[in-house]
């Protein structure tokens, strides 16, 4: 009778464990699907990381170019300021030359007048 009891217990355990096996199988299937999705997301994340690294390198290159252009603009501004300063000095010198030329013309006219007077006295 003990054997029959054991068989009955075994049958009862099998019946009780069947839904648990089904649940475990369902959980395993869900876990496999989640693992597959996670692997896909990991691949996409790796691709996005690679693209981000490329963009970071390009941004670094653009930053270096921008800094070089800013430096060049500063040099050009300094040269421009120097040229403008030189032009202002030249402009002042030209004004002085014009005044000197006006004085020379006045003195020359006065000299011609004196020469004309001297000729008329003769």
N, C-alpha and C. Protein backbone atom coordinates (compact mmCIF):
# COMPACT_ATOMS: atom_id res chain seq x y z
N UNK A 1 0.79 -1.16 0.00
CA UNK A 1 0.00 0.00 0.00
C UNK A 1 0.86 1.27 0.00
N UNK A 2 1.97 1.14 0.54
CA UNK A 2 2.88 2.27 0.56
C UNK A 2 3.27 2.68 -0.86
N UNK A 3 3.41 1.70 -1.72
CA UNK A 3 3.76 1.97 -3.10
C UNK A 3 2.63 2.72 -3.78
N UNK A 4 1.43 2.33 -3.50
CA UNK A 4 0.27 2.99 -4.08
C UNK A 4 0.16 4.42 -3.57
N UNK A 5 0.47 4.61 -2.31
CA UNK A 5 0.43 5.96 -1.75
C UNK A 5 1.49 6.84 -2.41
N UNK A 6 2.64 6.23 -2.59
CA UNK A 6 3.72 6.98 -3.25
C UNK A 6 3.34 7.35 -4.68
N UNK A 7 2.73 6.40 -5.39
CA UNK A 7 2.31 6.67 -6.77
C UNK A 7 1.22 7.75 -6.78
N UNK A 8 0.34 7.71 -5.83
CA UNK A 8 -0.73 8.70 -5.76
C UNK A 8 -0.13 10.09 -5.46
N UNK A 9 0.84 10.11 -4.55
CA UNK A 9 1.49 11.38 -4.23
C UNK A 9 2.25 11.89 -5.45
N UNK A 10 2.91 10.95 -6.16
CA UNK A 10 3.67 11.33 -7.36
C UNK A 10 2.73 11.93 -8.40
N UNK A 11 1.57 11.28 -8.62
CA UNK A 11 0.60 11.76 -9.60
C UNK A 11 0.08 13.14 -9.18
N UNK A 12 -0.21 13.28 -7.91
CA UNK A 12 -0.73 14.54 -7.40
C UNK A 12 0.32 15.66 -7.57
N UNK A 13 1.58 15.35 -7.28
CA UNK A 13 2.66 16.33 -7.44
C UNK A 13 2.82 16.73 -8.91
N UNK A 14 2.71 15.72 -9.80
CA UNK A 14 2.82 16.00 -11.24
C UNK A 14 1.72 16.97 -11.66
N UNK A 15 0.52 16.69 -11.19
CA UNK A 15 -0.61 17.55 -11.55
C UNK A 15 -0.44 18.96 -10.98
N UNK A 16 0.09 19.03 -9.78
CA UNK A 16 0.30 20.34 -9.15
C UNK A 16 1.46 21.09 -9.81
N UNK A 17 2.47 20.37 -10.26
CA UNK A 17 3.65 21.00 -10.86
C UNK A 17 3.43 21.40 -12.32
N UNK A 18 2.45 20.80 -12.98
CA UNK A 18 2.21 21.08 -14.41
C UNK A 18 1.95 22.57 -14.65
N UNK A 19 1.06 23.25 -13.90
CA UNK A 19 0.86 24.69 -14.13
C UNK A 19 2.12 25.49 -13.82
N UNK A 20 2.89 25.03 -12.83
CA UNK A 20 4.13 25.73 -12.50
C UNK A 20 5.12 25.60 -13.65
N UNK A 21 5.20 24.40 -14.25
CA UNK A 21 6.08 24.20 -15.41
C UNK A 21 5.65 25.10 -16.55
N UNK A 22 4.34 25.19 -16.75
CA UNK A 22 3.81 26.04 -17.82
C UNK A 22 4.16 27.50 -17.55
N UNK A 23 4.01 27.92 -16.30
CA UNK A 23 4.36 29.30 -15.94
C UNK A 23 5.85 29.56 -16.16
N UNK A 24 6.68 28.60 -15.75
CA UNK A 24 8.13 28.75 -15.93
C UNK A 24 8.47 28.82 -17.41
N UNK A 25 7.82 27.99 -18.22
CA UNK A 25 8.05 28.00 -19.66
C UNK A 25 7.66 29.35 -20.25
N UNK A 26 6.52 29.88 -19.80
CA UNK A 26 6.07 31.18 -20.28
C UNK A 26 7.05 32.28 -19.86
N UNK A 27 7.50 32.21 -18.61
CA UNK A 27 8.47 33.20 -18.11
C UNK A 27 9.77 33.10 -18.90
N UNK A 28 10.20 31.86 -19.21
CA UNK A 28 11.44 31.68 -19.98
C UNK A 28 11.28 32.27 -21.38
N UNK A 29 10.11 32.04 -21.99
CA UNK A 29 9.86 32.60 -23.32
C UNK A 29 9.88 34.13 -23.28
N UNK A 30 9.26 34.70 -22.26
CA UNK A 30 9.25 36.16 -22.10
C UNK A 30 10.66 36.68 -21.87
N UNK A 31 11.41 35.97 -21.05
CA UNK A 31 12.79 36.36 -20.77
C UNK A 31 13.64 36.30 -22.04
N UNK A 32 13.44 35.26 -22.85
CA UNK A 32 14.17 35.17 -24.12
C UNK A 32 13.83 36.34 -25.04
N UNK A 33 12.56 36.71 -25.08
CA UNK A 33 12.13 37.85 -25.91
C UNK A 33 12.74 39.15 -25.39
N UNK A 34 12.75 39.31 -24.09
CA UNK A 34 13.35 40.52 -23.50
C UNK A 34 14.86 40.56 -23.75
N UNK A 35 15.49 39.40 -23.70
CA UNK A 35 16.93 39.32 -23.99
C UNK A 35 17.20 39.72 -25.44
N UNK A 36 16.36 39.24 -26.35
CA UNK A 36 16.52 39.59 -27.76
C UNK A 36 16.35 41.10 -27.96
N UNK A 37 15.32 41.67 -27.35
CA UNK A 37 15.08 43.11 -27.47
C UNK A 37 16.23 43.90 -26.86
N UNK A 38 16.72 43.44 -25.72
CA UNK A 38 17.85 44.11 -25.07
C UNK A 38 19.09 44.06 -25.96
N UNK A 39 19.32 42.93 -26.61
CA UNK A 39 20.46 42.82 -27.53
C UNK A 39 20.32 43.79 -28.71
N UNK A 40 19.09 43.91 -29.23
CA UNK A 40 18.86 44.86 -30.33
C UNK A 40 19.13 46.29 -29.86
N UNK A 41 18.66 46.62 -28.68
CA UNK A 41 18.87 47.97 -28.14
C UNK A 41 20.36 48.21 -27.88
N UNK A 42 21.04 47.18 -27.44
CA UNK A 42 22.48 47.31 -27.20
C UNK A 42 23.21 47.60 -28.51
N UNK A 43 22.81 46.91 -29.58
CA UNK A 43 23.43 47.16 -30.89
C UNK A 43 23.15 48.59 -31.35
N UNK A 44 21.90 49.03 -31.18
CA UNK A 44 21.55 50.40 -31.57
C UNK A 44 22.32 51.41 -30.73
N UNK A 45 22.45 51.14 -29.45
CA UNK A 45 23.19 52.03 -28.56
C UNK A 45 24.66 52.09 -28.96
N UNK A 46 25.23 50.95 -29.33
CA UNK A 46 26.62 50.92 -29.79
C UNK A 46 26.78 51.76 -31.06
N UNK A 47 25.81 51.66 -31.97
CA UNK A 47 25.85 52.44 -33.21
C UNK A 47 25.73 53.93 -32.90
N UNK A 48 24.83 54.27 -32.00
CA UNK A 48 24.67 55.68 -31.63
C UNK A 48 25.93 56.20 -30.94
N UNK A 49 26.55 55.37 -30.14
CA UNK A 49 27.80 55.77 -29.48
C UNK A 49 28.88 56.03 -30.52
N UNK A 50 28.96 55.16 -31.53
CA UNK A 50 29.95 55.34 -32.59
C UNK A 50 29.70 56.65 -33.34
N UNK A 51 28.44 56.91 -33.67
CA UNK A 51 28.09 58.14 -34.38
C UNK A 51 28.40 59.36 -33.51
N UNK A 52 28.09 59.27 -32.23
CA UNK A 52 28.38 60.37 -31.31
C UNK A 52 29.89 60.62 -31.23
N UNK A 53 30.68 59.56 -31.22
CA UNK A 53 32.14 59.71 -31.21
C UNK A 53 32.62 60.43 -32.48
N UNK A 54 32.05 60.06 -33.63
CA UNK A 54 32.41 60.73 -34.88
C UNK A 54 32.04 62.21 -34.82
N UNK A 55 30.86 62.50 -34.33
CA UNK A 55 30.42 63.90 -34.24
C UNK A 55 31.29 64.68 -33.25
N UNK A 56 31.71 64.02 -32.19
CA UNK A 56 32.58 64.68 -31.22
C UNK A 56 33.92 65.03 -31.87
N UNK A 57 34.45 64.11 -32.67
CA UNK A 57 35.72 64.39 -33.38
C UNK A 57 35.54 65.56 -34.35
N UNK A 58 34.44 65.55 -35.09
CA UNK A 58 34.18 66.64 -36.03
C UNK A 58 34.02 67.96 -35.29
N UNK A 59 33.33 67.93 -34.16
CA UNK A 59 33.15 69.14 -33.36
C UNK A 59 34.49 69.65 -32.86
N UNK A 60 35.37 68.74 -32.45
CA UNK A 60 36.71 69.15 -32.01
C UNK A 60 37.48 69.80 -33.16
N UNK A 61 37.37 69.21 -34.36
CA UNK A 61 38.03 69.79 -35.53
C UNK A 61 37.46 71.18 -35.83
N UNK A 62 36.15 71.30 -35.78
CA UNK A 62 35.51 72.60 -36.06
C UNK A 62 35.90 73.63 -35.01
N UNK A 63 36.04 73.19 -33.77
CA UNK A 63 36.46 74.10 -32.71
C UNK A 63 37.87 74.61 -32.98
N UNK A 64 38.76 73.72 -33.42
CA UNK A 64 40.13 74.14 -33.74
C UNK A 64 40.13 75.12 -34.91
N UNK A 65 39.33 74.83 -35.93
CA UNK A 65 39.24 75.72 -37.09
C UNK A 65 38.70 77.08 -36.65
N UNK A 66 37.67 77.07 -35.82
CA UNK A 66 37.08 78.32 -35.34
C UNK A 66 38.09 79.14 -34.55
N UNK A 67 38.87 78.48 -33.70
CA UNK A 67 39.88 79.20 -32.93
C UNK A 67 40.94 79.80 -33.85
N UNK A 68 41.33 79.04 -34.88
CA UNK A 68 42.31 79.56 -35.84
C UNK A 68 41.74 80.77 -36.57
N UNK A 69 40.47 80.69 -36.96
CA UNK A 69 39.83 81.82 -37.65
C UNK A 69 39.70 83.03 -36.73
N UNK A 70 39.37 82.78 -35.46
CA UNK A 70 39.29 83.89 -34.51
C UNK A 70 40.64 84.57 -34.35
N UNK A 71 41.70 83.76 -34.27
CA UNK A 71 43.05 84.32 -34.15
C UNK A 71 43.39 85.14 -35.40
N UNK A 72 43.06 84.57 -36.57
CA UNK A 72 43.32 85.27 -37.82
C UNK A 72 42.54 86.59 -37.87
N UNK A 73 41.30 86.58 -37.39
CA UNK A 73 40.50 87.80 -37.37
C UNK A 73 41.12 88.84 -36.45
N UNK A 74 41.67 88.39 -35.32
CA UNK A 74 42.31 89.32 -34.39
C UNK A 74 43.57 89.93 -35.02
N UNK A 75 44.34 89.09 -35.73
CA UNK A 75 45.54 89.59 -36.41
C UNK A 75 45.14 90.59 -37.48
N UNK A 76 44.11 90.25 -38.27
CA UNK A 76 43.64 91.17 -39.31
C UNK A 76 43.14 92.48 -38.71
N UNK A 77 42.45 92.40 -37.59
CA UNK A 77 41.96 93.61 -36.92
C UNK A 77 43.13 94.48 -36.48
N UNK A 78 44.16 93.86 -35.92
CA UNK A 78 45.34 94.62 -35.49
C UNK A 78 46.01 95.28 -36.69
N UNK A 79 46.13 94.53 -37.79
CA UNK A 79 46.73 95.10 -39.00
C UNK A 79 45.86 96.24 -39.54
N UNK A 80 44.56 96.05 -39.53
CA UNK A 80 43.63 97.07 -40.00
C UNK A 80 43.77 98.34 -39.15
N UNK A 81 43.83 98.16 -37.83
CA UNK A 81 43.99 99.31 -36.93
C UNK A 81 45.30 100.04 -37.21
N UNK A 82 46.36 99.26 -37.46
CA UNK A 82 47.66 99.87 -37.76
C UNK A 82 47.60 100.66 -39.07
N UNK A 83 46.94 100.08 -40.08
CA UNK A 83 46.80 100.77 -41.37
C UNK A 83 45.97 102.05 -41.20
N UNK A 84 44.90 101.97 -40.42
CA UNK A 84 44.07 103.16 -40.20
C UNK A 84 44.87 104.24 -39.48
N UNK A 85 45.71 103.86 -38.56
CA UNK A 85 46.57 104.81 -37.85
C UNK A 85 47.55 105.46 -38.83
N UNK A 86 48.16 104.63 -39.70
CA UNK A 86 49.08 105.16 -40.71
C UNK A 86 48.35 106.13 -41.64
N UNK A 87 47.14 105.78 -42.05
CA UNK A 87 46.36 106.65 -42.94
C UNK A 87 46.08 107.98 -42.26
N UNK A 88 45.76 107.95 -40.97
CA UNK A 88 45.49 109.20 -40.24
C UNK A 88 46.74 110.07 -40.21
N UNK A 89 47.92 109.45 -39.99
CA UNK A 89 49.16 110.23 -39.99
C UNK A 89 49.44 110.81 -41.38
N UNK A 90 49.24 110.00 -42.41
CA UNK A 90 49.47 110.47 -43.79
C UNK A 90 48.51 111.61 -44.11
N UNK A 91 47.26 111.48 -43.68
CA UNK A 91 46.28 112.53 -43.92
C UNK A 91 46.73 113.83 -43.26
N UNK A 92 47.23 113.73 -42.03
CA UNK A 92 47.74 114.92 -41.35
C UNK A 92 48.92 115.53 -42.08
N UNK A 93 49.82 114.69 -42.58
CA UNK A 93 50.98 115.19 -43.32
C UNK A 93 50.55 115.86 -44.61
N UNK A 94 49.55 115.30 -45.29
CA UNK A 94 49.05 115.90 -46.53
C UNK A 94 48.44 117.27 -46.24
N UNK A 95 47.68 117.38 -45.16
CA UNK A 95 47.11 118.68 -44.78
C UNK A 95 48.22 119.70 -44.54
N UNK A 96 49.28 119.26 -43.85
CA UNK A 96 50.42 120.17 -43.62
C UNK A 96 51.09 120.57 -44.93
N UNK A 97 51.24 119.61 -45.86
CA UNK A 97 51.83 119.92 -47.16
C UNK A 97 50.97 120.91 -47.93
N UNK A 98 49.64 120.76 -47.86
CA UNK A 98 48.74 121.69 -48.54
C UNK A 98 48.91 123.11 -47.97
N UNK A 99 49.01 123.18 -46.64
CA UNK A 99 49.21 124.50 -46.03
C UNK A 99 50.55 125.09 -46.48
N UNK A 100 51.59 124.23 -46.50
CA UNK A 100 52.90 124.71 -46.95
C UNK A 100 52.84 125.16 -48.41
N UNK A 101 52.13 124.41 -49.26
CA UNK A 101 52.01 124.77 -50.68
C UNK A 101 51.26 126.10 -50.83
N UNK A 102 50.24 126.29 -50.01
CA UNK A 102 49.50 127.56 -50.04
C UNK A 102 50.43 128.70 -49.67
N UNK A 103 51.24 128.49 -48.63
CA UNK A 103 52.21 129.53 -48.23
C UNK A 103 53.22 129.79 -49.33
N UNK A 104 53.70 128.71 -49.98
CA UNK A 104 54.66 128.88 -51.08
C UNK A 104 54.01 129.68 -52.21
N UNK A 105 52.74 129.38 -52.54
CA UNK A 105 52.04 130.12 -53.59
C UNK A 105 51.91 131.60 -53.22
N UNK A 106 51.56 131.86 -51.96
CA UNK A 106 51.42 133.25 -51.51
C UNK A 106 52.77 133.98 -51.59
N UNK A 107 53.81 133.31 -51.10
CA UNK A 107 55.14 133.93 -51.14
C UNK A 107 55.59 134.12 -52.57
N UNK A 108 55.33 133.14 -53.44
CA UNK A 108 55.70 133.26 -54.85
C UNK A 108 54.95 134.42 -55.49
N UNK A 109 53.68 134.54 -55.19
CA UNK A 109 52.89 135.66 -55.74
C UNK A 109 53.46 136.99 -55.26
N UNK A 110 53.82 137.02 -53.98
CA UNK A 110 54.41 138.25 -53.43
C UNK A 110 55.74 138.55 -54.11
N UNK A 111 56.53 137.51 -54.33
CA UNK A 111 57.82 137.70 -55.02
C UNK A 111 57.61 138.21 -56.44
N UNK A 112 56.62 137.66 -57.15
CA UNK A 112 56.34 138.12 -58.51
C UNK A 112 55.90 139.59 -58.50
N UNK A 113 55.14 139.93 -57.49
CA UNK A 113 54.72 141.33 -57.38
C UNK A 113 55.93 142.22 -57.14
N UNK A 114 56.85 141.76 -56.28
CA UNK A 114 58.07 142.54 -56.03
C UNK A 114 58.91 142.64 -57.30
N UNK A 115 59.01 141.55 -58.05
CA UNK A 115 59.78 141.56 -59.31
C UNK A 115 59.14 142.54 -60.28
N UNK A 116 57.82 142.55 -60.37
CA UNK A 116 57.13 143.47 -61.28
C UNK A 116 57.40 144.91 -60.88
N UNK A 117 57.41 145.21 -59.57
CA UNK A 117 57.71 146.56 -59.09
C UNK A 117 59.13 146.95 -59.45
N UNK A 118 60.05 146.00 -59.25
CA UNK A 118 61.46 146.29 -59.55
C UNK A 118 61.64 146.55 -61.04
N UNK A 119 60.94 145.81 -61.87
CA UNK A 119 61.05 146.01 -63.31
C UNK A 119 60.47 147.37 -63.71
N UNK A 120 59.42 147.77 -63.06
CA UNK A 120 58.79 149.03 -63.42
C UNK A 120 59.65 150.23 -62.99
N UNK A 121 60.48 150.08 -62.00
CA UNK A 121 61.34 151.14 -61.50
C UNK A 121 62.50 151.35 -62.48
N UNK A 122 62.91 150.45 -63.17
CA UNK A 122 64.05 150.48 -64.06
C UNK A 122 63.83 151.40 -65.16
